[in-house]
Amino acid sequence: MPRPNPAQLACGSATVILSALALLLVTQTRSGTGVTVVATAALALGLLVAVALPVRRPADRGRPAAGSLPAQRGPVRAGTGDSGTGDSGSGQRVPQPSLHR
């Protein structure tokens, strides 16, 4: 299960607080059992709102669009001033380190 993003946490938390206050004011309960039922209902509603909120994913810029081919570039050499757009070099790609585990 993916982790919730900050927007999901904020909306879920706000829903819990506001729905608990609204239910307590509407029902005017003063017993411990009533408060427990209201708190449980507010938590369930907050969880439902947080899960139902769409997850926003960053645009994946690393993949080319469907049907297009990525541009081939030559390797970039440090200190030569080569921007990597020329055909100098062997044409092999240099592996890049990944931050993904």
Foldseek 3Di string as FASTA:
>chain_A
DDDQDPVLVVQLVVQLVVQLVVLCVVVVDDDPVSSVVSNVVSNVVSVVSSVPDDDDDDDDPPDDDPPDDDDQFADDDPPPPDPRRDPPDDSDDDDDDDPDD
